[in-house]
């Protein structure tokens, strides 16, 4: 079976620690539930991601070197 999360076209997905999450929420002046959602069964998620975690996704970008987005893991 192929591990999709390790494919070269899948951007880096990491689970945020609580202190990092608080910095992000404060910077954008939002609540956790205001973030876009990602389903727990998404193949690109790390194995340790659980419902309620926030994921940092780092993508390559043509206009900036990298683009960082955040997603809330939902069932």
PDB file of N, CA and C in Angstrom:
ATOM      1  N   UNK A   1       0.834  -1.177   0.000  1.00  0.00           N
ATOM      2  CA  UNK A   1       0.000   0.000   0.000  1.00  0.00           C
ATOM      3  C   UNK A   1       0.885   1.250   0.000  1.00  0.00           C
ATOM      4  N   UNK A   2       0.463   2.281  -0.687  1.00  0.00           N
ATOM      5  CA  UNK A   2       1.223   3.515  -0.806  1.00  0.00           C
ATOM      6  C   UNK A   2       0.886   4.452   0.345  1.00  0.00           C
ATOM      7  N   UNK A   3       1.921   5.050   0.952  1.00  0.00           N
ATOM      8  CA  UNK A   3       1.719   6.040   2.006  1.00  0.00           C
ATOM      9  C   UNK A   3       1.617   7.414   1.352  1.00  0.00           C
ATOM     10  N   UNK A   4       0.383   7.895   1.167  1.00  0.00           N
ATOM     11  CA  UNK A   4       0.128   9.149   0.460  1.00  0.00           C
ATOM     12  C   UNK A   4       0.813  10.316   1.154  1.00  0.00           C
ATOM     13  N   UNK A   5       0.885  10.311   2.474  1.00  0.00           N
ATOM     14  CA  UNK A   5       1.462  11.436   3.203  1.00  0.00           C
ATOM     15  C   UNK A   5       2.935  11.648   2.891  1.00  0.00           C
ATOM     16  N   UNK A   6       3.596  10.638   2.349  1.00  0.00           N
ATOM     17  CA  UNK A   6       5.020  10.754   2.020  1.00  0.00           C
ATOM     18  C   UNK A   6       5.267  11.076   0.551  1.00  0.00           C
ATOM     19  N   UNK A   7       4.213  11.278  -0.230  1.00  0.00           N
ATOM     20  CA  UNK A   7       4.361  11.575  -1.647  1.00  0.00           C
ATOM     21  C   UNK A   7       4.967  12.967  -1.822  1.00  0.00           C
ATOM     22  N   UNK A   8       5.786  13.143  -2.846  1.00  0.00           N
ATOM     23  CA  UNK A   8       6.488  14.419  -3.058  1.00  0.00           C
ATOM     24  C   UNK A   8       5.554  15.594  -3.347  1.00  0.00           C
ATOM     25  N   UNK A   9       4.359  15.350  -3.816  1.00  0.00           N
ATOM     26  CA  UNK A   9       3.427  16.432  -4.114  1.00  0.00           C
ATOM     27  C   UNK A   9       2.536  16.825  -2.938  1.00  0.00           C
ATOM     28  N   UNK A  10       2.584  16.063  -1.848  1.00  0.00           N
ATOM     29  CA  UNK A  10       1.780  16.381  -0.661  1.00  0.00           C
ATOM     30  C   UNK A  10       2.588  17.328   0.217  1.00  0.00           C
ATOM     31  N   UNK A  11       2.032  18.509   0.533  1.00  0.00           N
ATOM     32  CA  UNK A  11       2.781  19.453   1.365  1.00  0.00           C
ATOM     33  C   UNK A  11       2.956  18.935   2.787  1.00  0.00           C
ATOM     34  N   UNK A  12       3.894  19.530   3.505  1.00  0.00           N
ATOM     35  CA  UNK A  12       4.190  19.136   4.883  1.00  0.00           C
ATOM     36  C   UNK A  12       3.014  19.459   5.799  1.00  0.00           C
ATOM     37  N   UNK A  13       2.564  18.472   6.560  1.00  0.00           N
ATOM     38  CA  UNK A  13       1.477  18.627   7.531  1.00  0.00           C
ATOM     39  C   UNK A  13       2.054  18.324   8.914  1.00  0.00           C
ATOM     40  N   UNK A  14       1.918  19.261   9.856  1.00  0.00           N
ATOM     41  CA  UNK A  14       2.382  19.025  11.221  1.00  0.00           C
ATOM     42  C   UNK A  14       1.321  19.467  12.213  1.00  0.00           C
ATOM     43  N   UNK A  15       1.252  18.760  13.328  1.00  0.00           N
ATOM     44  CA  UNK A  15       0.310  19.092  14.396  1.00  0.00           C
ATOM     45  C   UNK A  15       0.933  20.204  15.239  1.00  0.00           C
ATOM     46  N   UNK A  16       0.159  21.263  15.490  1.00  0.00           N
ATOM     47  CA  UNK A  16       0.650  22.368  16.306  1.00  0.00           C
ATOM     48  C   UNK A  16       0.592  22.016  17.785  1.00  0.00           C
ATOM     49  N   UNK A  17       1.606  22.441  18.517  1.00  0.00           N
ATOM     50  CA  UNK A  17       1.602  22.340  19.973  1.00  0.00           C
ATOM     51  C   UNK A  17       0.710  23.455  20.512  1.00  0.00           C
ATOM     52  N   UNK A  18       0.278  23.336  21.762  1.00  0.00           N
ATOM     53  CA  UNK A  18      -0.641  24.309  22.352  1.00  0.00           C
ATOM     54  C   UNK A  18      -0.089  25.727  22.353  1.00  0.00           C
ATOM     55  N   UNK A  19       1.203  25.899  22.669  1.00  0.00           N
ATOM     56  CA  UNK A  19       1.773  27.247  22.705  1.00  0.00           C
ATOM     57  C   UNK A  19       1.843  27.866  21.310  1.00  0.00           C
ATOM     58  N   UNK A  20       2.171  27.062  20.298  1.00  0.00           N
ATOM     59  CA  UNK A  20       2.185  27.551  18.920  1.00  0.00           C
ATOM     60  C   UNK A  20       0.774  27.934  18.474  1.00  0.00           C
ATOM     61  N   UNK A  21      -0.205  27.124  18.859  1.00  0.00           N
ATOM     62  CA  UNK A  21      -1.590  27.379  18.494  1.00  0.00           C
ATOM     63  C   UNK A  21      -2.066  28.703  19.078  1.00  0.00           C
ATOM     64  N   UNK A  22      -1.746  28.966  20.337  1.00  0.00           N
ATOM     65  CA  UNK A  22      -2.154  30.219  20.973  1.00  0.00           C
ATOM     66  C   UNK A  22      -1.561  31.420  20.252  1.00  0.00           C
ATOM     67  N   UNK A  23      -0.307  31.311  19.796  1.00  0.00           N
ATOM     68  CA  UNK A  23       0.330  32.399  19.041  1.00  0.00           C
ATOM     69  C   UNK A  23      -0.412  32.663  17.733  1.00  0.00           C
ATOM     70  N   UNK A  24      -0.785  31.609  17.029  1.00  0.00           N
ATOM     71  CA  UNK A  24      -1.493  31.742  15.755  1.00  0.00           C
ATOM     72  C   UNK A  24      -2.869  32.377  15.971  1.00  0.00           C
ATOM     73  N   UNK A  25      -3.605  31.878  16.956  1.00  0.00           N
ATOM     74  CA  UNK A  25      -4.940  32.401  17.216  1.00  0.00           C
ATOM     75  C   UNK A  25      -4.886  33.866  17.636  1.00  0.00           C
ATOM     76  N   UNK A  26      -3.886  34.231  18.420  1.00  0.00           N
ATOM     77  CA  UNK A  26      -3.719  35.622  18.843  1.00  0.00           C
ATOM     78  C   UNK A  26      -3.330  36.504  17.658  1.00  0.00           C
ATOM     79  N   UNK A  27      -2.408  36.020  16.828  1.00  0.00           N
ATOM     80  CA  UNK A  27      -1.947  36.798  15.674  1.00  0.00           C
ATOM     81  C   UNK A  27      -3.098  37.138  14.730  1.00  0.00           C
ATOM     82  N   UNK A  28      -3.969  36.179  14.485  1.00  0.00           N
ATOM     83  CA  UNK A  28      -5.080  36.386  13.556  1.00  0.00           C
ATOM     84  C   UNK A  28      -6.374  36.820  14.239  1.00  0.00           C
ATOM     85  N   UNK A  29      -6.340  36.884  15.590  1.00  0.00           N
ATOM     86  CA  UNK A  29      -7.497  37.300  16.380  1.00  0.00           C
ATOM     87  C   UNK A  29      -8.739  36.461  16.035  1.00  0.00           C
ATOM     88  N   UNK A  30      -8.573  35.139  16.121  1.00  0.00           N
ATOM     89  CA  UNK A  30      -9.652  34.208  15.800  1.00  0.00           C
ATOM     90  C   UNK A  30      -9.743  33.135  16.885  1.00  0.00           C
ATOM     91  N   UNK A  31     -10.808  32.362  16.849  1.00  0.00           N
ATOM     92  CA  UNK A  31     -10.962  31.185  17.695  1.00  0.00           C
ATOM     93  C   UNK A  31     -10.596  29.955  16.877  1.00  0.00           C
ATOM     94  N   UNK A  32     -10.325  28.864  17.558  1.00  0.00           N
ATOM     95  CA  UNK A  32      -9.976  27.602  16.893  1.00  0.00           C
ATOM     96  C   UNK A  32     -11.051  27.191  15.877  1.00  0.00           C
ATOM     97  N   UNK A  33     -12.314  27.402  16.235  1.00  0.00           N
ATOM     98  CA  UNK A  33     -13.414  26.973  15.365  1.00  0.00           C
ATOM     99  C   UNK A  33     -13.571  27.846  14.122  1.00  0.00           C
ATOM    100  N   UNK A  34     -12.885  28.983  14.067  1.00  0.00           N
ATOM    101  CA  UNK A  34     -12.931  29.850  12.889  1.00  0.00           C
ATOM    102  C   UNK A  34     -12.024  29.349  11.761  1.00  0.00           C
ATOM    103  N   UNK A  35     -11.132  28.426  12.081  1.00  0.00           N
ATOM    104  CA  UNK A  35     -10.205  27.904  11.076  1.00  0.00           C
ATOM    105  C   UNK A  35     -10.928  27.021  10.063  1.00  0.00           C
ATOM    106  N   UNK A  36     -10.404  26.955   8.835  1.00  0.00           N
ATOM    107  CA  UNK A  36     -10.947  25.989   7.873  1.00  0.00           C
ATOM    108  C   UNK A  36     -10.757  24.573   8.415  1.00  0.00           C
ATOM    109  N   UNK A  37     -11.566  23.655   7.963  1.00  0.00           N
ATOM    110  CA  UNK A  37     -11.577  22.289   8.501  1.00  0.00           C
ATOM    111  C   UNK A  37     -10.865  21.306   7.566  1.00  0.00           C
ATOM    112  N   UNK A  38     -10.395  20.217   8.163  1.00  0.00           N
ATOM    113  CA  UNK A  38      -9.843  19.089   7.413  1.00  0.00           C
ATOM    114  C   UNK A  38     -10.340  17.824   8.112  1.00  0.00           C
ATOM    115  N   UNK A  39     -10.783  16.855   7.352  1.00  0.00           N
ATOM    116  CA  UNK A  39     -11.337  15.623   7.939  1.00  0.00           C
ATOM    117  C   UNK A  39     -10.228  14.726   8.473  1.00  0.00           C
ATOM    118  N   UNK A  40     -10.525  14.057   9.577  1.00  0.00           N
ATOM    119  CA  UNK A  40      -9.562  13.173  10.232  1.00  0.00           C
ATOM    120  C   UNK A  40      -9.103  12.052   9.309  1.00  0.00           C
ATOM    121  N   UNK A  41      -9.932  11.625   8.391  1.00  0.00           N
ATOM    122  CA  UNK A  41      -9.557  10.521   7.506  1.00  0.00           C
ATOM    123  C   UNK A  41      -8.799  10.978   6.259  1.00  0.00           C
ATOM    124  N   UNK A  42      -8.407  12.259   6.194  1.00  0.00           N
ATOM    125  CA  UNK A  42      -7.605  12.752   5.070  1.00  0.00           C
ATOM    126  C   UNK A  42      -6.259  12.025   5.087  1.00  0.00           C
ATOM    127  N   UNK A  43      -5.879  11.453   3.977  1.00  0.00           N
ATOM    128  CA  UNK A  43      -4.672  10.627   3.901  1.00  0.00           C
ATOM    129  C   UNK A  43      -3.386  11.400   4.157  1.00  0.00           C
ATOM    130  N   UNK A  44      -3.402  12.711   3.988  1.00  0.00           N
ATOM    131  CA  UNK A  44      -2.186  13.501   4.168  1.00  0.00           C
ATOM    132  C   UNK A  44      -1.896  13.831   5.629  1.00  0.00           C
ATOM    133  N   UNK A  45      -2.867  13.629   6.519  1.00  0.00           N
ATOM    134  CA  UNK A  45      -2.668  13.963   7.929  1.00  0.00           C
ATOM    135  C   UNK A  45      -1.659  13.039   8.589  1.00  0.00           C
ATOM    136  N   UNK A  46      -0.881  13.584   9.537  1.00  0.00           N
ATOM    137  CA  UNK A  46       0.020  12.719  10.309  1.00  0.00           C
ATOM    138  C   UNK A  46      -0.785  11.714  11.130  1.00  0.00           C
ATOM    139  N   UNK A  47      -0.191  10.586  11.436  1.00  0.00           N
ATOM    140  CA  UNK A  47      -0.881   9.539  12.199  1.00  0.00           C
ATOM    141  C   UNK A  47      -1.299   9.997  13.584  1.00  0.00           C
ATOM    142  N   UNK A  48      -0.550  10.937  14.175  1.00  0.00           N
ATOM    143  CA  UNK A  48      -0.853  11.371  15.543  1.00  0.00           C
ATOM    144  C   UNK A  48      -1.885  12.496  15.602  1.00  0.00           C
ATOM    145  N   UNK A  49      -2.440  12.909  14.464  1.00  0.00           N
ATOM    146  CA  UNK A  49      -3.456  13.963  14.450  1.00  0.00           C
ATOM    147  C   UNK A  49      -4.783  13.413  14.966  1.00  0.00           C
ATOM    148  N   UNK A  50      -5.398  14.168  15.869  1.00  0.00           N
ATOM    149  CA  UNK A  50      -6.674  13.754  16.448  1.00  0.00           C
ATOM    150  C   UNK A  50      -7.707  14.853  16.216  1.00  0.00           C
ATOM    151  N   UNK A  51      -8.974  14.497  16.337  1.00  0.00           N
ATOM    152  CA  UNK A  51     -10.052  15.468  16.197  1.00  0.00           C
ATOM    153  C   UNK A  51      -9.823  16.584  17.215  1.00  0.00           C
ATOM    154  N   UNK A  52      -9.889  17.833  16.762  1.00  0.00           N
ATOM    155  CA  UNK A  52      -9.658  18.989  17.625  1.00  0.00           C
ATOM    156  C   UNK A  52      -8.264  19.566  17.498  1.00  0.00           C
ATOM    157  N   UNK A  53      -7.327  18.824  16.913  1.00  0.00           N
ATOM    158  CA  UNK A  53      -5.974  19.344  16.693  1.00  0.00           C
ATOM    159  C   UNK A  53      -5.983  20.358  15.563  1.00  0.00           C
ATOM    160  N   UNK A  54      -4.978  21.216  15.573  1.00  0.00           N
ATOM    161  CA  UNK A  54      -4.794  22.164  14.472  1.00  0.00           C
ATOM    162  C   UNK A  54      -3.529  21.759  13.732  1.00  0.00           C
ATOM    163  N   UNK A  55      -3.631  21.728  12.412  1.00  0.00           N
ATOM    164  CA  UNK A  55      -2.547  21.289  11.541  1.00  0.00           C
ATOM    165  C   UNK A  55      -1.965  22.492  10.803  1.00  0.00           C
ATOM    166  N   UNK A  56      -0.629  22.574  10.760  1.00  0.00           N
ATOM    167  CA  UNK A  56       0.056  23.579   9.942  1.00  0.00           C
ATOM    168  C   UNK A  56       0.438  22.894   8.632  1.00  0.00           C
ATOM    169  N   UNK A  57       0.046  23.498   7.511  1.00  0.00           N
ATOM    170  CA  UNK A  57       0.368  22.962   6.200  1.00  0.00           C
ATOM    171  C   UNK A  57       1.270  23.971   5.503  1.00  0.00           C
ATOM    172  N   UNK A  58       2.463  23.534   5.111  1.00  0.00           N
ATOM    173  CA  UNK A  58       3.430  24.405   4.446  1.00  0.00           C
ATOM    174  C   UNK A  58       3.506  23.975   2.984  1.00  0.00           C
ATOM    175  N   UNK A  59       3.074  24.889   2.111  1.00  0.00           N
ATOM    176  CA  UNK A  59       3.037  24.607   0.670  1.00  0.00           C
ATOM    177  C   UNK A  59       4.057  25.466  -0.061  1.00  0.00           C
ATOM    178  N   UNK A  60       4.558  24.959  -1.170  1.00  0.00           N
ATOM    179  CA  UNK A  60       5.379  25.777  -2.051  1.00  0.00           C
ATOM    180  C   UNK A  60       4.489  26.788  -2.745  1.00  0.00           C
ATOM    181  N   UNK A  61       5.046  27.960  -3.032  1.00  0.00           N
ATOM    182  CA  UNK A  61       4.268  29.015  -3.666  1.00  0.00           C
ATOM    183  C   UNK A  61       5.093  29.670  -4.760  1.00  0.00           C
ATOM    184  N   UNK A  62       4.434  30.054  -5.837  1.00  0.00           N
ATOM    185  CA  UNK A  62       5.137  30.747  -6.923  1.00  0.00           C
ATOM    186  C   UNK A  62       5.393  32.206  -6.576  1.00  0.00           C
ATOM    187  N   UNK A  63       4.522  32.820  -5.804  1.00  0.00           N
ATOM    188  CA  UNK A  63       4.679  34.245  -5.495  1.00  0.00           C
ATOM    189  C   UNK A  63       5.506  34.496  -4.237  1.00  0.00           C
ATOM    190  N   UNK A  64       5.410  33.603  -3.269  1.00  0.00           N
ATOM    191  CA  UNK A  64       6.275  33.648  -2.095  1.00  0.00           C
ATOM    192  C   UNK A  64       6.977  32.304  -2.036  1.00  0.00           C
ATOM    193  N   UNK A  65       8.027  32.219  -1.303  1.00  0.00           N
ATOM    194  CA  UNK A  65       8.764  30.959  -1.247  1.00  0.00           C
ATOM    195  C   UNK A  65       7.888  29.834  -0.708  1.00  0.00           C
ATOM    196  N   UNK A  66       7.177  30.134   0.391  1.00  0.00           N
ATOM    197  CA  UNK A  66       6.281  29.141   0.984  1.00  0.00           C
ATOM    198  C   UNK A  66       5.020  29.818   1.483  1.00  0.00           C
ATOM    199  N   UNK A  67       3.949  29.055   1.503  1.00  0.00           N
ATOM    200  CA  UNK A  67       2.665  29.525   2.019  1.00  0.00           C
ATOM    201  C   UNK A  67       2.283  28.622   3.185  1.00  0.00           C
ATOM    202  N   UNK A  68       1.874  29.240   4.301  1.00  0.00           N
ATOM    203  CA  UNK A  68       1.497  28.471   5.485  1.00  0.00           C
ATOM    204  C   UNK A  68       0.007  28.668   5.727  1.00  0.00           C
ATOM    205  N   UNK A  69      -0.705  27.553   5.883  1.00  0.00           N
ATOM    206  CA  UNK A  69      -2.131  27.589   6.199  1.00  0.00           C
ATOM    207  C   UNK A  69      -2.388  26.670   7.389  1.00  0.00           C
ATOM    208  N   UNK A  70      -3.518  26.902   8.051  1.00  0.00           N
ATOM    209  CA  UNK A  70      -3.873  26.128   9.233  1.00  0.00           C
ATOM    210  C   UNK A  70      -5.237  25.512   9.034  1.00  0.00           C
ATOM    211  N   UNK A  71      -5.414  24.288   9.546  1.00  0.00           N
ATOM    212  CA  UNK A  71      -6.686  23.590   9.443  1.00  0.00           C
ATOM    213  C   UNK A  71      -7.024  22.919  10.778  1.00  0.00           C
ATOM    214  N   UNK A  72      -8.297  22.910  11.125  1.00  0.00           N
ATOM    215  CA  UNK A  72      -8.794  22.242  12.313  1.00  0.00           C
ATOM    216  C   UNK A  72      -9.253  20.845  11.920  1.00  0.00           C
ATOM    217  N   UNK A  73      -8.784  19.828  12.633  1.00  0.00           N
ATOM    218  CA  UNK A  73      -9.158  18.447  12.332  1.00  0.00           C
ATOM    219  C   UNK A  73     -10.552  18.162  12.900  1.00  0.00           C
ATOM    220  N   UNK A  74     -11.448  17.686  12.027  1.00  0.00           N
ATOM    221  CA  UNK A  74     -12.806  17.340  12.421  1.00  0.00           C
ATOM    222  C   UNK A  74     -13.096  15.898  12.031  1.00  0.00           C
ATOM    223  N   UNK A  75     -14.146  15.328  12.614  1.00  0.00           N
ATOM    224  CA  UNK A  75     -14.545  13.960  12.286  1.00  0.00           C
ATOM    225  C   UNK A  75     -15.147  13.957  10.917  1.00  0.00           C
TER     226      UNK A  75
END
